[in-house]
Amino acid sequence: SVHMHVIGSGDEEPTLRKFIEKNNLQKQVHLHGWKAREELLAFFRHAHLFVHPCRWPEPFGLVVVEALRVGLPVVATEETGASWAAGEAGITFKKDDVAELQKHILFFYNNPDTRIEYGKRAIARARLFDAEAVSAQYVDILESLVIDIL
């Protein structure tokens, strides 16, 4: 009863399509290609979990912040910008560790109360990235620099 909606595209898409067809997963795994931000948010509103399995240490995961804003718990590759952005609203797994990734997805699937708790954490975490919060931090830093100079 688990359904996966994959947003984005890349070099592995043809291989993934063949895998889905070969394993008769067309009803469970849906490939949507690249989506504009507005379309992406519509997917988020119907999701229960956001998975960000990047394979290189991206500096920051803006898409993760958008998932947090709608209350999605996050599963992300450890030691990446995505895992940092998710903070306590997420769980991490080692790069390329498919078994650990699967374990975390099933953890949220089998523990809806915990998923709800992580969703509340997600909304709280997203507030750290609101424009007002970030600009206030920026002003504080600038003021401290001015004080240090004087």
Protein backbone atom coordinates (compact mmCIF):
# COMPACT_ATOMS: atom_id res chain seq x y z
CA SER A 1 0.00 0.00 0.00
CA VAL A 2 3.04 2.30 -0.15
CA HIS A 3 3.16 4.63 -3.15
CA MET A 4 6.20 6.53 -4.24
CA HIS A 5 6.05 9.68 -6.32
CA VAL A 6 9.43 10.58 -7.79
CA ILE A 7 9.81 14.20 -8.76
CA GLY A 8 12.76 15.21 -10.93
CA SER A 9 14.69 13.68 -13.74
CA GLY A 10 18.20 12.62 -14.57
CA ASP A 11 20.44 10.15 -16.28
CA GLU A 12 19.07 7.19 -14.31
CA GLU A 13 15.45 7.76 -15.35
CA PRO A 14 15.44 5.23 -18.26
CA THR A 15 16.98 2.58 -15.99
CA LEU A 16 14.42 3.31 -13.30
CA ARG A 17 11.55 3.08 -15.80
CA LYS A 18 12.79 -0.33 -16.95
CA PHE A 19 13.09 -1.49 -13.33
CA ILE A 20 9.54 -0.36 -12.56
CA GLU A 21 8.18 -2.14 -15.63
CA LYS A 22 10.20 -5.32 -15.07
CA ASN A 23 8.99 -5.56 -11.46
CA ASN A 24 5.39 -4.57 -12.27
CA LEU A 25 5.52 -1.52 -10.00
CA GLN A 26 3.60 0.89 -12.22
CA LYS A 27 0.77 1.19 -9.68
CA GLN A 28 3.13 1.91 -6.77
CA VAL A 29 5.95 4.00 -8.26
CA HIS A 30 5.08 7.10 -10.26
CA LEU A 31 7.69 9.13 -12.13
CA HIS A 32 6.60 12.72 -12.70
CA GLY A 33 9.74 14.38 -14.05
CA TRP A 34 10.72 17.91 -13.18
CA LYS A 35 8.00 20.08 -11.62
CA ALA A 36 7.75 23.80 -11.01
CA ARG A 37 7.64 24.94 -7.38
CA GLU A 38 3.87 25.43 -7.42
CA GLU A 39 3.31 21.90 -8.70
CA LEU A 40 5.82 20.50 -6.22
CA LEU A 41 3.94 22.01 -3.28
CA ALA A 42 0.75 20.29 -4.45
CA PHE A 43 2.56 16.94 -4.27
CA PHE A 44 3.84 17.78 -0.80
CA ARG A 45 0.34 18.49 0.47
CA HIS A 46 -0.70 14.92 -0.35
CA ALA A 47 2.45 13.21 0.92
CA HIS A 48 3.18 11.61 4.28
CA LEU A 49 6.97 11.72 4.05
CA PHE A 50 9.67 13.49 2.07
CA VAL A 51 12.75 11.51 1.04
CA HIS A 52 15.85 13.33 -0.20
CA PRO A 53 18.41 10.65 -1.17
CA CYS A 54 21.21 12.78 -2.58
CA ARG A 55 24.48 11.09 -3.44
CA TRP A 56 26.81 14.08 -3.01
CA PRO A 57 27.05 16.59 -0.12
CA GLU A 58 24.79 19.35 -1.39
CA PRO A 59 25.32 22.63 0.49
CA PHE A 60 21.65 23.36 1.29
CA GLY A 61 18.32 21.72 0.52
CA LEU A 62 15.75 24.43 -0.23
CA VAL A 63 13.34 21.73 -1.38
CA VAL A 64 13.67 20.23 2.12
CA VAL A 65 12.59 23.53 3.68
CA GLU A 66 9.53 23.58 1.43
CA ALA A 67 8.67 20.04 2.54
CA LEU A 68 9.11 21.07 6.18
CA ARG A 69 6.74 24.00 5.70
CA VAL A 70 3.88 21.63 4.89
CA GLY A 71 4.72 19.40 7.85
CA LEU A 72 6.51 16.53 6.15
CA PRO A 73 9.04 14.48 8.10
CA VAL A 74 12.26 14.08 6.13
CA VAL A 75 14.52 11.15 5.40
CA ALA A 76 17.81 12.44 3.99
CA THR A 77 21.33 11.31 3.28
CA GLU A 78 23.56 12.02 6.26
CA GLU A 79 26.16 14.80 6.19
CA THR A 80 24.36 16.83 3.54
CA GLY A 81 22.69 20.21 3.44
CA ALA A 82 19.38 18.37 3.27
CA SER A 83 20.02 16.56 6.55
CA TRP A 84 21.12 19.81 8.20
CA ALA A 85 18.03 21.63 6.93
CA ALA A 86 15.76 18.86 8.23
CA GLY A 87 17.36 18.91 11.68
CA GLU A 88 15.24 17.23 14.34
CA ALA A 89 12.39 16.87 11.84
CA GLY A 90 14.29 14.21 9.95
CA ILE A 91 16.17 10.95 10.06
CA THR A 92 19.34 10.32 8.10
CA PHE A 93 20.85 7.31 6.37
CA LYS A 94 24.29 6.57 4.99
CA LYS A 95 24.83 7.35 1.31
CA ASP A 96 23.95 4.37 -0.90
CA ASP A 97 22.66 2.33 2.07
CA VAL A 98 19.38 1.17 0.53
CA ALA A 99 18.54 -1.12 3.47
CA GLU A 100 18.83 1.75 5.94
CA LEU A 101 16.75 4.02 3.70
CA GLN A 102 14.07 1.34 3.46
CA LYS A 103 14.16 0.87 7.24
CA HIS A 104 13.52 4.59 7.82
CA ILE A 105 10.69 4.78 5.29
CA LEU A 106 9.01 1.76 6.87
CA PHE A 107 9.59 3.23 10.33
CA PHE A 108 7.43 6.24 9.45
CA TYR A 109 4.92 4.06 7.62
CA ASN A 110 4.50 1.74 10.61
CA ASN A 111 4.49 4.51 13.24
CA PRO A 112 1.90 7.10 12.25
CA ASP A 113 1.96 8.80 15.67
CA THR A 114 5.71 9.30 15.37
CA ARG A 115 5.24 10.55 11.81
CA ILE A 116 2.77 13.13 13.14
CA GLU A 117 5.25 14.19 15.85
CA TYR A 118 7.99 14.61 13.24
CA GLY A 119 5.52 16.59 11.15
CA LYS A 120 5.04 19.03 14.04
CA ARG A 121 8.82 19.28 14.35
CA ALA A 122 8.97 19.96 10.62
CA ILE A 123 6.67 22.97 10.86
CA ALA A 124 8.66 24.34 13.80
CA ARG A 125 11.97 23.76 11.99
CA ALA A 126 10.70 25.50 8.85
CA ARG A 127 10.14 28.70 10.85
CA LEU A 128 13.91 29.00 11.23
CA PHE A 129 14.11 29.57 7.48
CA ASP A 130 11.32 32.15 7.17
CA ALA A 131 12.47 35.41 5.60
CA GLU A 132 11.78 37.34 8.82
CA ALA A 133 13.86 34.94 10.93
CA VAL A 134 16.77 34.87 8.50
CA SER A 135 16.79 38.65 8.03
CA ALA A 136 16.70 39.17 11.83
CA GLN A 137 19.74 36.91 12.19
CA TYR A 138 21.50 38.82 9.44
CA VAL A 139 20.80 42.16 11.15
CA ASP A 140 22.04 40.77 14.48
CA ILE A 141 25.30 39.66 12.85
CA LEU A 142 25.79 43.03 11.16
CA GLU A 143 25.09 44.89 14.42
CA SER A 144 27.58 42.72 16.30
CA LEU A 145 30.21 43.44 13.64
CA VAL A 146 29.60 47.19 13.96
CA ILE A 147 29.88 46.99 17.76
CA ASP A 148 33.11 45.00 17.45
CA ILE A 149 34.58 47.60 15.07
CA LEU A 150 33.64 50.54 17.31
